[in-house]
């Protein structure tokens, strides 16, 4: 098991945990006008998109040679990749040309999730809540997709590179899953059809 590290890097990434908590209390006073159907469809979209994201990362790892066993079966990949893959080493070894593509892919991901939120609901308050909802499901199912396909991350204390915008964000996997889970709870508990 990996050694537990409490704080993410850079330090300000840790402040993200306060976003869903603060919004939960804000939304308690200003209920969200988002229906169960909108939330369900948003979650479905984000789950599928999370798997697509996981597939892109798998392809990127294979392309730069950081995915052992990728020429074999999925079982070969899972057996070899889960114990040997080091996310930070891989991120620091990716050629600049691919890092540039990765940077813009991350921006495109945020634009896609934001666009879905703007199409799904009308008011800015609900759009931001819906964006958080979709982002949270996307993020959780990105890790689920990686775990089911290549066996990575090996535990919740596995270190990951979360984003490259504007700099590299590092934390253990439990941190983004916690923030995403809190975001889902904040939106679900304050949507008119849910509670």
C-alpha atoms as a PDB file:
ATOM      1  CA  UNK A   1       0.000   0.000   0.000  1.00  0.00           C
ATOM      2  CA  UNK A   2       1.210   3.484  -0.808  1.00  0.00           C
ATOM      3  CA  UNK A   3       2.129   5.927   1.939  1.00  0.00           C
ATOM      4  CA  UNK A   4      -0.782   8.263   2.728  1.00  0.00           C
ATOM      5  CA  UNK A   5      -0.198  11.922   1.810  1.00  0.00           C
ATOM      6  CA  UNK A   6      -2.818  14.370   3.036  1.00  0.00           C
ATOM      7  CA  UNK A   7      -2.179  17.466   0.950  1.00  0.00           C
ATOM      8  CA  UNK A   8      -2.290  17.968  -2.793  1.00  0.00           C
ATOM      9  CA  UNK A   9       0.233  20.069  -4.707  1.00  0.00           C
ATOM     10  CA  UNK A  10       0.267  22.966  -5.373  1.00  0.00           C
ATOM     11  CA  UNK A  11      -1.201  23.992  -2.015  1.00  0.00           C
ATOM     12  CA  UNK A  12      -4.209  25.838  -3.461  1.00  0.00           C
ATOM     13  CA  UNK A  13      -5.606  22.641  -5.013  1.00  0.00           C
ATOM     14  CA  UNK A  14      -6.580  21.619  -1.466  1.00  0.00           C
ATOM     15  CA  UNK A  15      -9.013  24.539  -1.349  1.00  0.00           C
ATOM     16  CA  UNK A  16     -11.210  22.751  -3.899  1.00  0.00           C
ATOM     17  CA  UNK A  17     -12.714  20.715  -1.080  1.00  0.00           C
ATOM     18  CA  UNK A  18     -14.459  23.892   0.102  1.00  0.00           C
ATOM     19  CA  UNK A  19     -16.248  24.475  -3.236  1.00  0.00           C
ATOM     20  CA  UNK A  20     -18.912  21.747  -2.865  1.00  0.00           C
ATOM     21  CA  UNK A  21     -19.234  22.397   0.867  1.00  0.00           C
ATOM     22  CA  UNK A  22     -19.797  26.121   0.329  1.00  0.00           C
ATOM     23  CA  UNK A  23     -22.180  25.499  -2.543  1.00  0.00           C
ATOM     24  CA  UNK A  24     -24.151  23.001  -0.460  1.00  0.00           C
ATOM     25  CA  UNK A  25     -24.962  25.742   2.060  1.00  0.00           C
ATOM     26  CA  UNK A  26     -25.595  28.322  -0.656  1.00  0.00           C
ATOM     27  CA  UNK A  27     -27.944  25.984  -2.487  1.00  0.00           C
ATOM     28  CA  UNK A  28     -29.779  25.146   0.771  1.00  0.00           C
ATOM     29  CA  UNK A  29     -31.046  28.729   0.760  1.00  0.00           C
ATOM     30  CA  UNK A  30     -31.455  28.905  -3.022  1.00  0.00           C
ATOM     31  CA  UNK A  31     -32.803  25.519  -4.166  1.00  0.00           C
ATOM     32  CA  UNK A  32     -31.705  24.298  -7.569  1.00  0.00           C
ATOM     33  CA  UNK A  33     -34.279  23.962 -10.329  1.00  0.00           C
ATOM     34  CA  UNK A  34     -32.764  20.817 -11.809  1.00  0.00           C
ATOM     35  CA  UNK A  35     -34.928  17.753 -12.365  1.00  0.00           C
ATOM     36  CA  UNK A  36     -34.116  14.103 -11.700  1.00  0.00           C
ATOM     37  CA  UNK A  37     -34.212  13.461 -15.435  1.00  0.00           C
ATOM     38  CA  UNK A  38     -31.667  16.212 -16.130  1.00  0.00           C
ATOM     39  CA  UNK A  39     -29.375  14.872 -13.391  1.00  0.00           C
ATOM     40  CA  UNK A  40     -29.740  11.288 -14.597  1.00  0.00           C
ATOM     41  CA  UNK A  41     -28.976  12.182 -18.213  1.00  0.00           C
ATOM     42  CA  UNK A  42     -26.081  14.403 -17.123  1.00  0.00           C
ATOM     43  CA  UNK A  43     -24.653  11.585 -15.027  1.00  0.00           C
ATOM     44  CA  UNK A  44     -25.011   9.121 -17.918  1.00  0.00           C
ATOM     45  CA  UNK A  45     -23.209  11.487 -20.275  1.00  0.00           C
ATOM     46  CA  UNK A  46     -20.430  12.103 -17.737  1.00  0.00           C
ATOM     47  CA  UNK A  47     -19.971   8.393 -16.968  1.00  0.00           C
ATOM     48  CA  UNK A  48     -19.551   7.619 -20.678  1.00  0.00           C
ATOM     49  CA  UNK A  49     -17.250  10.606 -21.132  1.00  0.00           C
ATOM     50  CA  UNK A  50     -15.189   9.481 -18.124  1.00  0.00           C
ATOM     51  CA  UNK A  51     -14.587   6.153 -19.807  1.00  0.00           C
ATOM     52  CA  UNK A  52     -13.618   7.892 -23.052  1.00  0.00           C
ATOM     53  CA  UNK A  53     -11.149   9.962 -21.027  1.00  0.00           C
ATOM     54  CA  UNK A  54      -9.711   6.801 -19.460  1.00  0.00           C
ATOM     55  CA  UNK A  55      -9.296   5.271 -22.939  1.00  0.00           C
ATOM     56  CA  UNK A  56      -7.452   8.374 -24.168  1.00  0.00           C
ATOM     57  CA  UNK A  57      -5.062   8.171 -21.205  1.00  0.00           C
ATOM     58  CA  UNK A  58      -4.476   4.468 -21.873  1.00  0.00           C
ATOM     59  CA  UNK A  59      -3.666   5.226 -25.519  1.00  0.00           C
ATOM     60  CA  UNK A  60      -1.349   8.055 -24.487  1.00  0.00           C
ATOM     61  CA  UNK A  61       0.469   5.812 -22.004  1.00  0.00           C
ATOM     62  CA  UNK A  62       0.863   3.109 -24.643  1.00  0.00           C
ATOM     63  CA  UNK A  63       2.060   5.624 -27.244  1.00  0.00           C
ATOM     64  CA  UNK A  64       4.880   6.877 -25.044  1.00  0.00           C
ATOM     65  CA  UNK A  65       5.829   3.395 -23.802  1.00  0.00           C
ATOM     66  CA  UNK A  66       4.560   3.675 -20.236  1.00  0.00           C
ATOM     67  CA  UNK A  67       1.977   0.922 -20.454  1.00  0.00           C
ATOM     68  CA  UNK A  68       3.619  -2.477 -19.993  1.00  0.00           C
ATOM     69  CA  UNK A  69       1.940  -5.365 -21.790  1.00  0.00           C
ATOM     70  CA  UNK A  70      -0.182  -3.202 -24.104  1.00  0.00           C
ATOM     71  CA  UNK A  71       0.632  -5.442 -27.068  1.00  0.00           C
ATOM     72  CA  UNK A  72      -0.940  -8.428 -25.273  1.00  0.00           C
ATOM     73  CA  UNK A  73      -4.394  -9.036 -23.873  1.00  0.00           C
ATOM     74  CA  UNK A  74      -6.245  -6.762 -21.469  1.00  0.00           C
ATOM     75  CA  UNK A  75      -5.344  -9.228 -18.701  1.00  0.00           C
ATOM     76  CA  UNK A  76      -1.646  -8.802 -19.592  1.00  0.00           C
ATOM     77  CA  UNK A  77      -1.998  -5.038 -19.381  1.00  0.00           C
ATOM     78  CA  UNK A  78      -3.804  -5.195 -16.025  1.00  0.00           C
ATOM     79  CA  UNK A  79      -1.249  -7.588 -14.543  1.00  0.00           C
ATOM     80  CA  UNK A  80       1.768  -5.578 -15.653  1.00  0.00           C
ATOM     81  CA  UNK A  81       0.534  -1.979 -15.515  1.00  0.00           C
ATOM     82  CA  UNK A  82      -1.102  -1.791 -12.105  1.00  0.00           C
ATOM     83  CA  UNK A  83       2.077  -2.498 -10.152  1.00  0.00           C
ATOM     84  CA  UNK A  84       4.695  -0.797 -12.324  1.00  0.00           C
ATOM     85  CA  UNK A  85       3.060   2.326 -13.728  1.00  0.00           C
ATOM     86  CA  UNK A  86       4.218   5.555 -12.102  1.00  0.00           C
ATOM     87  CA  UNK A  87       1.964   8.457 -13.084  1.00  0.00           C
ATOM     88  CA  UNK A  88       4.343  11.255 -12.065  1.00  0.00           C
ATOM     89  CA  UNK A  89       7.295   9.687 -13.883  1.00  0.00           C
ATOM     90  CA  UNK A  90       5.158   9.276 -16.986  1.00  0.00           C
ATOM     91  CA  UNK A  91       3.834  12.838 -16.893  1.00  0.00           C
ATOM     92  CA  UNK A  92       7.348  14.219 -16.544  1.00  0.00           C
ATOM     93  CA  UNK A  93       8.598  12.062 -19.425  1.00  0.00           C
ATOM     94  CA  UNK A  94       5.909  12.848 -21.999  1.00  0.00           C
ATOM     95  CA  UNK A  95       7.354  14.721 -24.979  1.00  0.00           C
ATOM     96  CA  UNK A  96       6.515  18.429 -25.114  1.00  0.00           C
ATOM     97  CA  UNK A  97       4.490  17.955 -28.291  1.00  0.00           C
ATOM     98  CA  UNK A  98       2.173  15.493 -26.534  1.00  0.00           C
ATOM     99  CA  UNK A  99       2.040  17.661 -23.400  1.00  0.00           C
ATOM    100  CA  UNK A 100       0.772  20.498 -25.589  1.00  0.00           C
ATOM    101  CA  UNK A 101      -1.931  18.224 -27.007  1.00  0.00           C
ATOM    102  CA  UNK A 102      -2.761  17.056 -23.462  1.00  0.00           C
ATOM    103  CA  UNK A 103      -3.042  20.660 -22.265  1.00  0.00           C
ATOM    104  CA  UNK A 104      -5.550  21.492 -25.002  1.00  0.00           C
ATOM    105  CA  UNK A 105      -7.392  18.205 -24.463  1.00  0.00           C
ATOM    106  CA  UNK A 106      -7.929  19.231 -20.841  1.00  0.00           C
ATOM    107  CA  UNK A 107      -9.288  22.606 -21.944  1.00  0.00           C
ATOM    108  CA  UNK A 108     -11.575  20.839 -24.442  1.00  0.00           C
ATOM    109  CA  UNK A 109     -12.840  18.543 -21.684  1.00  0.00           C
ATOM    110  CA  UNK A 110     -13.806  21.543 -19.550  1.00  0.00           C
ATOM    111  CA  UNK A 111     -15.490  23.204 -22.550  1.00  0.00           C
ATOM    112  CA  UNK A 112     -17.474  20.029 -23.304  1.00  0.00           C
ATOM    113  CA  UNK A 113     -18.652  19.657 -19.708  1.00  0.00           C
ATOM    114  CA  UNK A 114     -19.484  23.370 -19.517  1.00  0.00           C
ATOM    115  CA  UNK A 115     -21.383  23.265 -22.812  1.00  0.00           C
ATOM    116  CA  UNK A 116     -23.467  20.320 -21.643  1.00  0.00           C
ATOM    117  CA  UNK A 117     -24.324  22.252 -18.478  1.00  0.00           C
ATOM    118  CA  UNK A 118     -25.377  25.310 -20.487  1.00  0.00           C
ATOM    119  CA  UNK A 119     -27.545  23.181 -22.763  1.00  0.00           C
ATOM    120  CA  UNK A 120     -29.136  21.219 -19.909  1.00  0.00           C
ATOM    121  CA  UNK A 121     -30.335  24.098 -17.701  1.00  0.00           C
ATOM    122  CA  UNK A 122     -31.041  27.812 -18.158  1.00  0.00           C
ATOM    123  CA  UNK A 123     -29.921  29.821 -15.126  1.00  0.00           C
ATOM    124  CA  UNK A 124     -26.226  30.400 -14.327  1.00  0.00           C
ATOM    125  CA  UNK A 125     -26.666  29.021 -10.782  1.00  0.00           C
ATOM    126  CA  UNK A 126     -28.049  25.750 -12.149  1.00  0.00           C
ATOM    127  CA  UNK A 127     -25.496  25.685 -14.971  1.00  0.00           C
ATOM    128  CA  UNK A 128     -22.621  25.828 -12.480  1.00  0.00           C
ATOM    129  CA  UNK A 129     -24.260  23.138 -10.330  1.00  0.00           C
ATOM    130  CA  UNK A 130     -24.816  20.956 -13.382  1.00  0.00           C
ATOM    131  CA  UNK A 131     -21.209  21.481 -14.479  1.00  0.00           C
ATOM    132  CA  UNK A 132     -20.038  20.316 -11.034  1.00  0.00           C
ATOM    133  CA  UNK A 133     -22.400  17.342 -11.231  1.00  0.00           C
ATOM    134  CA  UNK A 134     -21.129  16.284 -14.654  1.00  0.00           C
ATOM    135  CA  UNK A 135     -17.494  16.972 -13.756  1.00  0.00           C
ATOM    136  CA  UNK A 136     -17.820  14.863 -10.594  1.00  0.00           C
ATOM    137  CA  UNK A 137     -19.266  11.842 -12.405  1.00  0.00           C
ATOM    138  CA  UNK A 138     -16.734  12.249 -15.223  1.00  0.00           C
ATOM    139  CA  UNK A 139     -13.871  12.359 -12.717  1.00  0.00           C
ATOM    140  CA  UNK A 140     -14.986   9.346 -10.670  1.00  0.00           C
ATOM    141  CA  UNK A 141     -15.690   7.211 -13.728  1.00  0.00           C
ATOM    142  CA  UNK A 142     -12.385   8.196 -15.289  1.00  0.00           C
ATOM    143  CA  UNK A 143     -10.736   6.363 -12.368  1.00  0.00           C
ATOM    144  CA  UNK A 144     -13.259   3.523 -12.555  1.00  0.00           C
ATOM    145  CA  UNK A 145     -12.502   3.138 -16.277  1.00  0.00           C
ATOM    146  CA  UNK A 146      -8.750   3.029 -15.648  1.00  0.00           C
ATOM    147  CA  UNK A 147      -9.143   0.565 -12.792  1.00  0.00           C
ATOM    148  CA  UNK A 148     -11.375  -1.776 -14.796  1.00  0.00           C
ATOM    149  CA  UNK A 149      -9.201  -1.726 -17.907  1.00  0.00           C
ATOM    150  CA  UNK A 150      -5.579  -1.570 -16.731  1.00  0.00           C
ATOM    151  CA  UNK A 151      -5.855  -2.096 -12.972  1.00  0.00           C
ATOM    152  CA  UNK A 152      -4.619   1.396 -12.172  1.00  0.00           C
ATOM    153  CA  UNK A 153      -4.803   3.103  -9.714  1.00  0.00           C
ATOM    154  CA  UNK A 154      -3.817   0.275  -7.412  1.00  0.00           C
ATOM    155  CA  UNK A 155      -5.287   2.044  -4.347  1.00  0.00           C
ATOM    156  CA  UNK A 156      -6.904   5.275  -3.216  1.00  0.00           C
ATOM    157  CA  UNK A 157      -3.473   6.423  -2.017  1.00  0.00           C
ATOM    158  CA  UNK A 158      -1.912   6.140  -5.476  1.00  0.00           C
ATOM    159  CA  UNK A 159      -0.515   9.503  -6.560  1.00  0.00           C
ATOM    160  CA  UNK A 160      -1.954  11.003  -9.726  1.00  0.00           C
ATOM    161  CA  UNK A 161      -1.429  14.028 -11.935  1.00  0.00           C
ATOM    162  CA  UNK A 162      -4.880  15.625 -11.834  1.00  0.00           C
ATOM    163  CA  UNK A 163      -4.453  18.495 -14.285  1.00  0.00           C
ATOM    164  CA  UNK A 164      -1.787  20.418 -16.136  1.00  0.00           C
ATOM    165  CA  UNK A 165      -3.706  23.738 -16.153  1.00  0.00           C
ATOM    166  CA  UNK A 166      -2.051  26.140 -15.303  1.00  0.00           C
ATOM    167  CA  UNK A 167       0.567  23.905 -13.668  1.00  0.00           C
ATOM    168  CA  UNK A 168       0.782  20.223 -12.771  1.00  0.00           C
ATOM    169  CA  UNK A 169      -1.651  19.298  -9.949  1.00  0.00           C
ATOM    170  CA  UNK A 170      -0.628  16.270  -7.878  1.00  0.00           C
ATOM    171  CA  UNK A 171      -2.572  14.376  -5.248  1.00  0.00           C
ATOM    172  CA  UNK A 172      -3.554  10.930  -4.189  1.00  0.00           C
ATOM    173  CA  UNK A 173      -6.614   9.497  -5.921  1.00  0.00           C
ATOM    174  CA  UNK A 174      -8.768   9.727  -2.771  1.00  0.00           C
ATOM    175  CA  UNK A 175      -8.707  13.554  -2.974  1.00  0.00           C
ATOM    176  CA  UNK A 176     -10.424  14.086  -6.357  1.00  0.00           C
ATOM    177  CA  UNK A 177     -12.869  11.277  -5.508  1.00  0.00           C
ATOM    178  CA  UNK A 178     -13.703  13.029  -2.217  1.00  0.00           C
ATOM    179  CA  UNK A 179     -14.235  16.410  -3.908  1.00  0.00           C
ATOM    180  CA  UNK A 180     -16.327  14.782  -6.646  1.00  0.00           C
ATOM    181  CA  UNK A 181     -18.438  12.853  -4.135  1.00  0.00           C
ATOM    182  CA  UNK A 182     -19.053  16.027  -2.128  1.00  0.00           C
ATOM    183  CA  UNK A 183     -20.050  17.821  -5.342  1.00  0.00           C
ATOM    184  CA  UNK A 184     -22.549  15.103  -6.231  1.00  0.00           C
ATOM    185  CA  UNK A 185     -24.009  15.252  -2.719  1.00  0.00           C
ATOM    186  CA  UNK A 186     -24.226  19.077  -2.733  1.00  0.00           C
ATOM    187  CA  UNK A 187     -26.161  19.098  -6.007  1.00  0.00           C
ATOM    188  CA  UNK A 188     -28.358  16.054  -5.296  1.00  0.00           C
ATOM    189  CA  UNK A 189     -29.364  17.242  -1.820  1.00  0.00           C
ATOM    190  CA  UNK A 190     -30.381  20.639  -3.119  1.00  0.00           C
ATOM    191  CA  UNK A 191     -32.210  19.785  -6.339  1.00  0.00           C
ATOM    192  CA  UNK A 192     -35.965  20.224  -6.252  1.00  0.00           C
ATOM    193  CA  UNK A 193     -36.893  16.710  -7.437  1.00  0.00           C
ATOM    194  CA  UNK A 194     -34.396  14.831  -5.292  1.00  0.00           C
ATOM    195  CA  UNK A 195     -35.145  16.025  -1.763  1.00  0.00           C
END
